[in-house]
Amino acid sequence: MEKNITEAEWKIMHVLWELSPLSLKEIIEELKKEKAWSNTTVRTLIVRLMEKGFIDADKTTSTFKYYPLVQKEECQIKEAKNLINTVFEGSMGMLVTAFAKRGKLTEKEQEELRKLIDKIEEE
């Protein structure tokens, strides 16, 4: 079974990709900048991410420091493939059409879309 990252888990992953290694307390503090998170919720999500193999912890000190085991781009590509397969019936063309129909894509969005298509086609 493929392991996916939930919306809440993505928030933790973004913090860790940006600032790792971090303690539980540091992760909570970073997340609270956006909205209030309970300590229990964050702890549960960290345990899930560890069980799924997305993060690990340096346990050599009294305060565990968490860090990602996977690259951000790797997770983004996997999630994009899931979106294409699930929502767009596996069709890259349908995805591009959906983006194009919503209005003119910015230059940056066009470049990101090109990179995404190239990466997916490579794999």
C-alpha atoms as a PDB file:
ATOM      1  CA  MET A   1       0.000   0.000   0.000  1.00  0.00           C
ATOM      2  CA  GLU A   2       1.251   3.452  -0.913  1.00  0.00           C
ATOM      3  CA  LYS A   3       1.784   5.766   2.015  1.00  0.00           C
ATOM      4  CA  ASN A   4       0.361   9.250   1.591  1.00  0.00           C
ATOM      5  CA  ILE A   5       0.849  12.427   3.570  1.00  0.00           C
ATOM      6  CA  THR A   6      -2.336  13.976   4.960  1.00  0.00           C
ATOM      7  CA  GLU A   7      -3.010  17.708   4.772  1.00  0.00           C
ATOM      8  CA  ALA A   8      -2.045  18.205   8.427  1.00  0.00           C
ATOM      9  CA  GLU A   9       1.093  16.099   8.003  1.00  0.00           C
ATOM     10  CA  TRP A  10       2.127  18.276   5.039  1.00  0.00           C
ATOM     11  CA  LYS A  11       2.256  21.256   7.418  1.00  0.00           C
ATOM     12  CA  ILE A  12       4.747  19.440   9.638  1.00  0.00           C
ATOM     13  CA  MET A  13       6.773  18.262   6.651  1.00  0.00           C
ATOM     14  CA  HIS A  14       7.051  21.827   5.314  1.00  0.00           C
ATOM     15  CA  VAL A  15       8.355  23.010   8.687  1.00  0.00           C
ATOM     16  CA  LEU A  16      10.896  20.192   8.816  1.00  0.00           C
ATOM     17  CA  TRP A  17      12.039  20.691   5.202  1.00  0.00           C
ATOM     18  CA  GLU A  18      12.607  24.338   5.996  1.00  0.00           C
ATOM     19  CA  LEU A  19      14.143  24.206   9.470  1.00  0.00           C
ATOM     20  CA  SER A  20      15.109  20.677  10.540  1.00  0.00           C
ATOM     21  CA  PRO A  21      16.253  19.266  12.799  1.00  0.00           C
ATOM     22  CA  LEU A  22      13.666  20.491  15.297  1.00  0.00           C
ATOM     23  CA  SER A  23      12.360  19.347  18.662  1.00  0.00           C
ATOM     24  CA  LEU A  24       8.659  18.714  19.214  1.00  0.00           C
ATOM     25  CA  LYS A  25       8.403  22.041  21.041  1.00  0.00           C
ATOM     26  CA  GLU A  26      10.092  23.875  18.157  1.00  0.00           C
ATOM     27  CA  ILE A  27       7.778  22.253  15.614  1.00  0.00           C
ATOM     28  CA  ILE A  28       4.741  23.282  17.654  1.00  0.00           C
ATOM     29  CA  GLU A  29       6.025  26.850  17.925  1.00  0.00           C
ATOM     30  CA  GLU A  30       6.503  27.059  14.143  1.00  0.00           C
ATOM     31  CA  LEU A  31       3.048  25.639  13.462  1.00  0.00           C
ATOM     32  CA  LYS A  32       1.428  28.056  15.925  1.00  0.00           C
ATOM     33  CA  LYS A  33       2.564  30.959  13.733  1.00  0.00           C
ATOM     34  CA  GLU A  34      -0.150  29.888  11.302  1.00  0.00           C
ATOM     35  CA  LYS A  35      -2.845  28.615  13.689  1.00  0.00           C
ATOM     36  CA  ALA A  36      -3.226  26.985  17.094  1.00  0.00           C
ATOM     37  CA  TRP A  37      -2.166  23.339  17.217  1.00  0.00           C
ATOM     38  CA  SER A  38      -2.489  21.178  20.290  1.00  0.00           C
ATOM     39  CA  ASN A  39       0.640  19.434  21.546  1.00  0.00           C
ATOM     40  CA  THR A  40      -1.172  16.087  21.422  1.00  0.00           C
ATOM     41  CA  THR A  41      -2.184  16.561  17.772  1.00  0.00           C
ATOM     42  CA  VAL A  42       1.341  17.451  16.697  1.00  0.00           C
ATOM     43  CA  ARG A  43       2.806  14.551  18.670  1.00  0.00           C
ATOM     44  CA  THR A  44       0.317  12.154  17.030  1.00  0.00           C
ATOM     45  CA  LEU A  45       1.105  13.456  13.558  1.00  0.00           C
ATOM     46  CA  ILE A  46       4.847  13.124  14.177  1.00  0.00           C
ATOM     47  CA  VAL A  47       4.400   9.524  15.288  1.00  0.00           C
ATOM     48  CA  ARG A  48       2.371   8.799  12.144  1.00  0.00           C
ATOM     49  CA  LEU A  49       5.003  10.403   9.908  1.00  0.00           C
ATOM     50  CA  MET A  50       7.678   8.305  11.593  1.00  0.00           C
ATOM     51  CA  GLU A  51       5.620   5.117  11.177  1.00  0.00           C
ATOM     52  CA  LYS A  52       5.116   5.942   7.487  1.00  0.00           C
ATOM     53  CA  GLY A  53       8.864   6.455   7.077  1.00  0.00           C
ATOM     54  CA  PHE A  54       8.742  10.141   6.137  1.00  0.00           C
ATOM     55  CA  ILE A  55      10.644  11.456   9.168  1.00  0.00           C
ATOM     56  CA  ASP A  56      12.957  10.201  11.903  1.00  0.00           C
ATOM     57  CA  ALA A  57      14.445  11.557  15.097  1.00  0.00           C
ATOM     58  CA  ASP A  58      17.929  11.954  16.479  1.00  0.00           C
ATOM     59  CA  LYS A  59      17.538  10.239  19.839  1.00  0.00           C
ATOM     60  CA  THR A  60      21.087  10.749  21.071  1.00  0.00           C
ATOM     61  CA  THR A  61      20.086  13.736  23.198  1.00  0.00           C
ATOM     62  CA  SER A  62      17.420  14.107  25.868  1.00  0.00           C
ATOM     63  CA  THR A  63      15.302  16.204  23.480  1.00  0.00           C
ATOM     64  CA  PHE A  64      14.572  14.344  20.252  1.00  0.00           C
ATOM     65  CA  LYS A  65      15.295  16.319  17.078  1.00  0.00           C
ATOM     66  CA  TYR A  66      13.107  15.415  14.116  1.00  0.00           C
ATOM     67  CA  TYR A  67      14.177  15.562  10.475  1.00  0.00           C
ATOM     68  CA  PRO A  68      12.760  14.469   7.097  1.00  0.00           C
ATOM     69  CA  LEU A  69      13.859  11.214   5.456  1.00  0.00           C
ATOM     70  CA  VAL A  70      12.411  12.167   2.063  1.00  0.00           C
ATOM     71  CA  GLN A  71      13.009  15.115  -0.222  1.00  0.00           C
ATOM     72  CA  LYS A  72      10.282  17.710  -0.652  1.00  0.00           C
ATOM     73  CA  GLU A  73      10.315  17.381  -4.446  1.00  0.00           C
ATOM     74  CA  GLU A  74       9.942  13.596  -4.212  1.00  0.00           C
ATOM     75  CA  CYS A  75       6.767  13.986  -2.143  1.00  0.00           C
ATOM     76  CA  GLN A  76       5.383  16.719  -4.387  1.00  0.00           C
ATOM     77  CA  ILE A  77       5.870  14.600  -7.516  1.00  0.00           C
ATOM     78  CA  LYS A  78       4.246  11.573  -5.885  1.00  0.00           C
ATOM     79  CA  GLU A  79       1.289  13.691  -4.773  1.00  0.00           C
ATOM     80  CA  ALA A  80       0.977  15.247  -8.241  1.00  0.00           C
ATOM     81  CA  LYS A  81       0.898  11.776  -9.816  1.00  0.00           C
ATOM     82  CA  ASN A  82      -1.830  10.735  -7.376  1.00  0.00           C
ATOM     83  CA  LEU A  83      -3.831  13.852  -8.274  1.00  0.00           C
ATOM     84  CA  ILE A  84      -3.477  13.198 -12.006  1.00  0.00           C
ATOM     85  CA  ASN A  85      -4.432   9.544 -11.647  1.00  0.00           C
ATOM     86  CA  THR A  86      -7.318  10.145  -9.267  1.00  0.00           C
ATOM     87  CA  VAL A  87      -8.871  13.397 -10.439  1.00  0.00           C
ATOM     88  CA  PHE A  88      -7.799  13.591 -14.085  1.00  0.00           C
ATOM     89  CA  GLU A  89      -8.100   9.877 -14.947  1.00  0.00           C
ATOM     90  CA  GLY A  90      -4.349   9.647 -15.530  1.00  0.00           C
ATOM     91  CA  SER A  91      -4.416  12.352 -18.191  1.00  0.00           C
ATOM     92  CA  MET A  92      -1.747  15.052 -18.047  1.00  0.00           C
ATOM     93  CA  GLY A  93      -3.654  16.856 -20.806  1.00  0.00           C
ATOM     94  CA  MET A  94      -6.754  17.109 -18.640  1.00  0.00           C
ATOM     95  CA  LEU A  95      -4.650  18.572 -15.824  1.00  0.00           C
ATOM     96  CA  VAL A  96      -3.085  21.199 -18.078  1.00  0.00           C
ATOM     97  CA  THR A  97      -6.490  22.036 -19.558  1.00  0.00           C
ATOM     98  CA  ALA A  98      -7.957  22.505 -16.081  1.00  0.00           C
ATOM     99  CA  PHE A  99      -5.162  24.905 -15.145  1.00  0.00           C
ATOM    100  CA  ALA A 100      -5.443  26.794 -18.416  1.00  0.00           C
ATOM    101  CA  LYS A 101      -9.233  27.179 -18.125  1.00  0.00           C
ATOM    102  CA  ARG A 102      -9.027  28.908 -14.775  1.00  0.00           C
ATOM    103  CA  GLY A 103      -7.313  31.859 -16.410  1.00  0.00           C
ATOM    104  CA  LYS A 104      -3.957  32.942 -17.692  1.00  0.00           C
ATOM    105  CA  LEU A 105      -1.103  31.166 -15.948  1.00  0.00           C
ATOM    106  CA  THR A 106       1.670  33.385 -14.662  1.00  0.00           C
ATOM    107  CA  GLU A 107       5.145  32.893 -16.069  1.00  0.00           C
ATOM    108  CA  LYS A 108       6.218  31.242 -12.817  1.00  0.00           C
ATOM    109  CA  GLU A 109       3.224  28.881 -12.878  1.00  0.00           C
ATOM    110  CA  GLN A 110       3.978  27.961 -16.490  1.00  0.00           C
ATOM    111  CA  GLU A 111       7.578  27.145 -15.599  1.00  0.00           C
ATOM    112  CA  GLU A 112       6.522  25.069 -12.585  1.00  0.00           C
ATOM    113  CA  LEU A 113       4.030  23.192 -14.743  1.00  0.00           C
ATOM    114  CA  ARG A 114       6.700  22.506 -17.375  1.00  0.00           C
ATOM    115  CA  LYS A 115       9.052  21.159 -14.696  1.00  0.00           C
ATOM    116  CA  LEU A 116       6.308  18.967 -13.265  1.00  0.00           C
ATOM    117  CA  ILE A 117       5.428  17.540 -16.690  1.00  0.00           C
ATOM    118  CA  ASP A 118       9.092  16.910 -17.491  1.00  0.00           C
ATOM    119  CA  LYS A 119       9.672  15.147 -14.167  1.00  0.00           C
ATOM    120  CA  ILE A 120       6.575  12.958 -14.522  1.00  0.00           C
ATOM    121  CA  GLU A 121       7.498  12.023 -18.096  1.00  0.00           C
ATOM    122  CA  GLU A 122      11.014  11.038 -16.956  1.00  0.00           C
ATOM    123  CA  GLU A 123       9.586   8.514 -14.507  1.00  0.00           C
END
